[in-house]
Amino acid sequence: MTEERSALKQLIDSGEFLNSFNLDRKTSGLVFDKRTLMSIYELSSREGIDYIDFPISSGKESVVFKAYMKKKPVVLKVYKMSTLKFSNIGIYIEGDYRFSKERINRSNLVFIWAKKEYTNLEATRGAGIACPKPIAYHKNLLLMSYVGTKVSPAPSLRDAVFDPDTVYDKVKDYMRKLYRDAGIVHADLSEYNILYYRKKPYLIDFGQSVSVKHPSADLFLERDVKNITHYFIKLGVQCTPEDLLHYIRSDN
């Protein structure tokens, strides 16, 4: 294993490892430091990633790539080692009993975040909500199913064409199931974190999602509700934050 890792390091230093995954240096420079490249090698060896294609999206905390595993499209989410800071995300980890035993420090914070999103996606799918299927996580990497066509990934609601009333009803149902069945609050839900594919919304970006038992869960839920109703009201849907919040929390 030591010899194998040493050989890999030489490939990384020479740039040959990037070539094997069809990555140019400009793209790899977004997030692929040497530690991340090592992690990609380990994950690809375990899961069978063939190559990494173009970036689907890029944000302050992560870059999302389309990749191929066993000739099928998947998504590889790479959390940035340098920009994910406790001051920004600590509130979403501390207070969530599911991660109370994790030792949180600067070096493993990003690893906990990847594990957290994987766990939240599992809970979301288990509640019957449309979202990417989590496949595996490793260090600062998350592998999940791809949502979209061969040509392009599914657009967010922000860029899609759809019937607002129909989609609002579906999102409203998702939010209730997420809270009552999955036992989590998304905590960053908006038109940017909902994809639209084959006439159905898909929820994404669950890294910050917390247990309903989290001390700030109610605050996060109310924020999600305000974001969603504000967006759909602009599209002409008759809805209010109060009605949506009652629907999510009510037993009926």
Protein backbone atom coordinates (compact mmCIF):
# COMPACT_ATOMS: atom_id res chain seq x y z
CA MET A 1 0.00 0.00 0.00
CA THR A 2 2.88 2.39 0.85
CA GLU A 3 4.52 1.73 -2.53
CA GLU A 4 1.17 2.19 -4.27
CA ARG A 5 0.56 5.56 -2.61
CA SER A 6 4.12 6.62 -3.40
CA ALA A 7 3.62 5.77 -7.06
CA LEU A 8 0.34 7.66 -7.07
CA LYS A 9 2.03 10.72 -5.59
CA GLN A 10 4.50 10.69 -8.47
CA LEU A 11 1.61 10.55 -10.94
CA ILE A 12 -0.11 13.45 -9.18
CA ASP A 13 3.07 15.53 -9.19
CA SER A 14 3.61 14.87 -12.89
CA GLY A 15 0.02 15.60 -13.87
CA GLU A 16 -0.56 12.12 -15.28
CA PHE A 17 -3.25 11.38 -12.69
CA LEU A 18 -5.30 14.34 -13.92
CA ASN A 19 -5.00 13.09 -17.48
CA SER A 20 -6.33 9.67 -16.51
CA PHE A 21 -9.57 11.28 -15.35
CA ASN A 22 -9.87 13.59 -18.36
CA LEU A 23 -9.21 16.68 -16.20
CA ASP A 24 -7.27 19.69 -17.37
CA ARG A 25 -5.19 21.70 -14.90
CA LYS A 26 -7.51 24.71 -15.04
CA THR A 27 -10.47 22.58 -13.96
CA SER A 28 -8.50 20.65 -11.38
CA GLY A 29 -7.24 23.85 -9.84
CA LEU A 30 -10.75 24.63 -8.63
CA VAL A 31 -10.58 22.10 -5.80
CA PHE A 32 -8.10 19.35 -6.56
CA ASP A 33 -5.19 19.81 -4.18
CA LYS A 34 -2.97 16.78 -3.63
CA ARG A 35 -4.96 15.53 -0.65
CA THR A 36 -8.16 15.64 -2.67
CA LEU A 37 -6.53 13.84 -5.59
CA MET A 38 -5.44 11.10 -3.21
CA SER A 39 -9.01 10.85 -1.94
CA ILE A 40 -10.36 10.64 -5.49
CA TYR A 41 -7.97 7.82 -6.23
CA GLU A 42 -9.10 5.94 -3.13
CA LEU A 43 -12.79 6.48 -3.89
CA SER A 44 -12.44 5.62 -7.57
CA SER A 45 -10.58 2.41 -6.72
CA ARG A 46 -13.36 1.41 -4.36
CA GLU A 47 -16.37 2.48 -6.42
CA GLY A 48 -15.10 2.25 -9.99
CA ILE A 49 -15.15 5.85 -11.21
CA ASP A 50 -14.12 5.81 -14.88
CA TYR A 51 -13.49 9.51 -15.40
CA ILE A 52 -14.55 12.96 -14.28
CA ASP A 53 -16.28 15.21 -16.80
CA PHE A 54 -17.16 18.90 -16.64
CA PRO A 55 -18.12 20.94 -13.55
CA ILE A 56 -21.90 21.18 -13.15
CA SER A 57 -21.79 23.92 -10.55
CA SER A 58 -19.31 25.74 -8.36
CA GLY A 59 -19.82 27.53 -5.06
CA LYS A 60 -17.86 28.87 -2.12
CA GLU A 61 -17.83 25.52 -0.33
CA SER A 62 -17.85 22.91 -3.10
CA VAL A 63 -17.60 22.09 -6.78
CA VAL A 64 -19.94 19.55 -8.36
CA PHE A 65 -18.73 17.46 -11.31
CA LYS A 66 -20.44 15.12 -13.70
CA ALA A 67 -18.52 11.86 -13.67
CA TYR A 68 -18.92 8.32 -14.99
CA MET A 69 -18.99 5.13 -12.97
CA LYS A 70 -19.33 1.82 -14.78
CA LYS A 71 -20.28 3.80 -17.90
CA LYS A 72 -23.20 5.52 -16.15
CA PRO A 73 -23.34 9.24 -15.30
CA VAL A 74 -22.99 10.13 -11.62
CA VAL A 75 -22.19 13.26 -9.65
CA LEU A 76 -19.00 13.83 -7.70
CA LYS A 77 -19.26 16.63 -5.15
CA VAL A 78 -15.92 17.90 -3.91
CA TYR A 79 -15.98 19.98 -0.75
CA LYS A 80 -13.22 22.57 -0.72
CA MET A 81 -10.62 21.85 1.93
CA SER A 82 -9.54 25.48 2.15
CA THR A 83 -12.85 27.37 2.34
CA LEU A 84 -15.16 25.23 4.47
CA LYS A 85 -14.83 26.90 7.88
CA PHE A 86 -16.34 26.13 11.26
CA SER A 87 -17.48 29.73 11.65
CA ASN A 88 -19.78 29.22 8.65
CA ILE A 89 -21.07 25.69 9.21
CA GLY A 90 -20.50 24.89 12.88
CA ILE A 91 -24.06 25.79 13.86
CA TYR A 92 -25.39 23.05 11.56
CA ILE A 93 -23.23 20.34 13.18
CA GLU A 94 -23.27 21.28 16.84
CA GLY A 95 -26.68 20.56 18.28
CA ASP A 96 -27.42 17.78 15.79
CA TYR A 97 -27.47 14.68 17.99
CA ARG A 98 -26.64 12.44 15.04
CA PHE A 99 -23.13 13.88 14.98
CA SER A 100 -22.63 14.51 18.68
CA LYS A 101 -19.88 11.88 18.90
CA GLU A 102 -17.85 13.36 16.07
CA ARG A 103 -14.63 15.09 17.07
CA ILE A 104 -14.86 18.42 15.31
CA ASN A 105 -11.60 20.13 14.43
CA ARG A 106 -10.15 22.02 11.52
CA SER A 107 -8.70 18.95 9.83
CA ASN A 108 -11.81 16.76 9.82
CA LEU A 109 -14.58 19.38 9.58
CA VAL A 110 -14.97 18.90 5.83
CA PHE A 111 -15.08 15.11 6.25
CA ILE A 112 -17.97 15.42 8.72
CA TRP A 113 -19.76 17.69 6.26
CA ALA A 114 -19.55 15.09 3.48
CA LYS A 115 -20.80 12.38 5.83
CA LYS A 116 -23.60 14.69 6.96
CA GLU A 117 -24.90 15.31 3.46
CA TYR A 118 -24.74 11.58 2.68
CA THR A 119 -26.74 10.81 5.84
CA ASN A 120 -29.32 13.49 5.06
CA LEU A 121 -29.79 12.25 1.50
CA GLU A 122 -30.39 8.72 2.78
CA ALA A 123 -33.06 9.99 5.18
CA THR A 124 -34.66 12.09 2.44
CA ARG A 125 -34.92 9.21 -0.02
CA GLY A 126 -36.20 6.97 2.76
CA ALA A 127 -39.09 9.38 3.21
CA GLY A 128 -40.07 9.06 -0.45
CA ILE A 129 -38.77 12.46 -1.52
CA ALA A 130 -37.15 12.94 -4.92
CA CYS A 131 -33.46 13.76 -4.50
CA PRO A 132 -30.11 12.40 -5.72
CA LYS A 133 -29.36 8.88 -4.50
CA PRO A 134 -26.27 8.85 -2.28
CA ILE A 135 -23.75 6.25 -3.45
CA ALA A 136 -20.68 6.76 -1.26
CA TYR A 137 -18.67 9.33 0.64
CA HIS A 138 -14.97 9.47 1.39
CA LYS A 139 -13.16 12.26 3.19
CA ASN A 140 -14.17 15.47 1.35
CA LEU A 141 -15.98 13.66 -1.48
CA LEU A 142 -19.60 12.69 -2.02
CA LEU A 143 -20.70 10.42 -4.86
CA MET A 144 -24.38 10.43 -5.83
CA SER A 145 -26.73 9.79 -8.72
CA TYR A 146 -26.96 12.23 -11.62
CA VAL A 147 -30.20 14.07 -12.35
CA GLY A 148 -30.48 15.21 -15.95
CA THR A 149 -30.20 14.23 -19.59
CA LYS A 150 -27.16 13.03 -21.51
CA VAL A 151 -26.74 16.56 -22.81
CA SER A 152 -27.15 18.63 -19.66
CA PRO A 153 -27.92 18.40 -15.94
CA ALA A 154 -31.42 19.23 -14.74
CA PRO A 155 -31.95 22.98 -14.26
CA SER A 156 -32.89 24.56 -10.96
CA LEU A 157 -36.38 25.99 -10.62
CA ARG A 158 -34.78 29.37 -11.19
CA ASP A 159 -33.99 28.40 -14.79
CA ALA A 160 -36.81 25.94 -15.56
CA VAL A 161 -40.23 26.25 -17.14
CA PHE A 162 -43.03 24.65 -15.10
CA ASP A 163 -46.54 25.06 -13.75
CA PRO A 164 -46.08 27.01 -10.48
CA ASP A 165 -49.16 25.68 -8.68
CA THR A 166 -48.36 22.05 -9.45
CA VAL A 167 -44.73 22.34 -8.41
CA TYR A 168 -45.58 24.30 -5.26
CA ASP A 169 -47.96 21.56 -4.16
CA LYS A 170 -45.20 18.99 -4.67
CA VAL A 171 -42.57 21.04 -2.85
CA LYS A 172 -45.03 21.63 -0.02
CA ASP A 173 -45.54 17.87 0.23
CA TYR A 174 -41.77 17.29 0.22
CA MET A 175 -41.25 19.78 3.04
CA ARG A 176 -43.88 18.06 5.17
CA LYS A 177 -42.39 14.60 4.52
CA LEU A 178 -38.91 15.91 5.20
CA TYR A 179 -39.98 17.24 8.57
CA ARG A 180 -42.35 14.51 9.68
CA ASP A 181 -40.99 11.35 8.03
CA ALA A 182 -37.28 12.01 7.47
CA GLY A 183 -37.02 13.98 10.70
CA ILE A 184 -34.88 16.74 9.23
CA VAL A 185 -35.11 20.37 8.15
CA HIS A 186 -33.35 21.32 4.92
CA ALA A 187 -32.14 24.65 6.35
CA ASP A 188 -31.19 26.19 2.99
CA LEU A 189 -34.18 25.55 0.76
CA SER A 190 -34.83 27.90 -2.13
CA GLU A 191 -35.45 27.88 -5.87
CA TYR A 192 -31.69 27.40 -6.32
CA ASN A 193 -31.65 24.09 -4.40
CA ILE A 194 -34.54 22.46 -6.23
CA LEU A 195 -33.97 20.86 -9.62
CA TYR A 196 -36.73 20.29 -12.18
CA TYR A 197 -36.54 17.09 -14.20
CA ARG A 198 -39.23 15.16 -16.07
CA LYS A 199 -41.99 17.35 -14.66
CA LYS A 200 -40.91 16.74 -11.07
CA PRO A 201 -38.91 18.76 -8.51
CA TYR A 202 -35.82 17.24 -6.89
CA LEU A 203 -34.36 18.59 -3.67
CA ILE A 204 -30.56 18.95 -3.49
CA ASP A 205 -27.80 20.35 -1.25
CA PHE A 206 -28.38 18.73 2.12
CA GLY A 207 -25.05 19.41 3.82
CA GLN A 208 -26.51 21.93 6.25
CA SER A 209 -29.74 20.00 6.93
CA VAL A 210 -30.35 19.28 10.62
CA SER A 211 -32.43 16.98 12.77
CA VAL A 212 -35.81 18.35 13.84
CA LYS A 213 -34.42 18.03 17.38
CA HIS A 214 -31.69 20.56 16.67
CA PRO A 215 -32.03 23.66 18.90
CA SER A 216 -32.34 25.90 15.82
CA ALA A 217 -34.52 23.56 13.74
CA ASP A 218 -37.62 25.74 14.09
CA LEU A 219 -35.68 28.82 13.05
CA PHE A 220 -34.27 27.03 10.00
CA LEU A 221 -37.70 25.67 9.07
CA GLU A 222 -39.27 29.12 9.25
CA ARG A 223 -36.50 30.47 7.03
CA ASP A 224 -37.10 27.70 4.46
CA VAL A 225 -40.82 28.40 4.53
CA LYS A 226 -40.30 32.12 3.95
CA ASN A 227 -37.90 31.47 1.06
CA ILE A 228 -40.25 29.06 -0.69
CA THR A 229 -43.46 31.04 -0.25
CA HIS A 230 -41.73 34.27 -1.27
CA TYR A 231 -40.55 32.65 -4.49
CA PHE A 232 -43.87 31.04 -5.42
CA ILE A 233 -45.89 34.13 -4.54
CA LYS A 234 -43.85 35.98 -7.18
CA LEU A 235 -44.97 33.30 -9.65
CA GLY A 236 -48.62 33.92 -8.82
CA VAL A 237 -49.27 31.06 -6.39
CA GLN A 238 -51.73 31.82 -3.60
CA CYS A 239 -49.79 30.83 -0.49
CA THR A 240 -48.58 32.25 2.82
CA PRO A 241 -45.74 31.35 5.19
CA GLU A 242 -48.26 30.76 7.97
CA ASP A 243 -50.31 28.27 5.94
CA LEU A 244 -47.25 26.35 4.77
CA LEU A 245 -45.78 26.18 8.26
CA HIS A 246 -49.07 24.89 9.65
CA TYR A 247 -49.29 22.28 6.88
CA ILE A 248 -45.78 21.00 7.59
CA ARG A 249 -46.29 20.73 11.34
CA SER A 250 -49.92 19.64 11.55
CA ASP A 251 -51.01 16.05 12.17
CA ASN A 252 -53.81 16.21 9.58
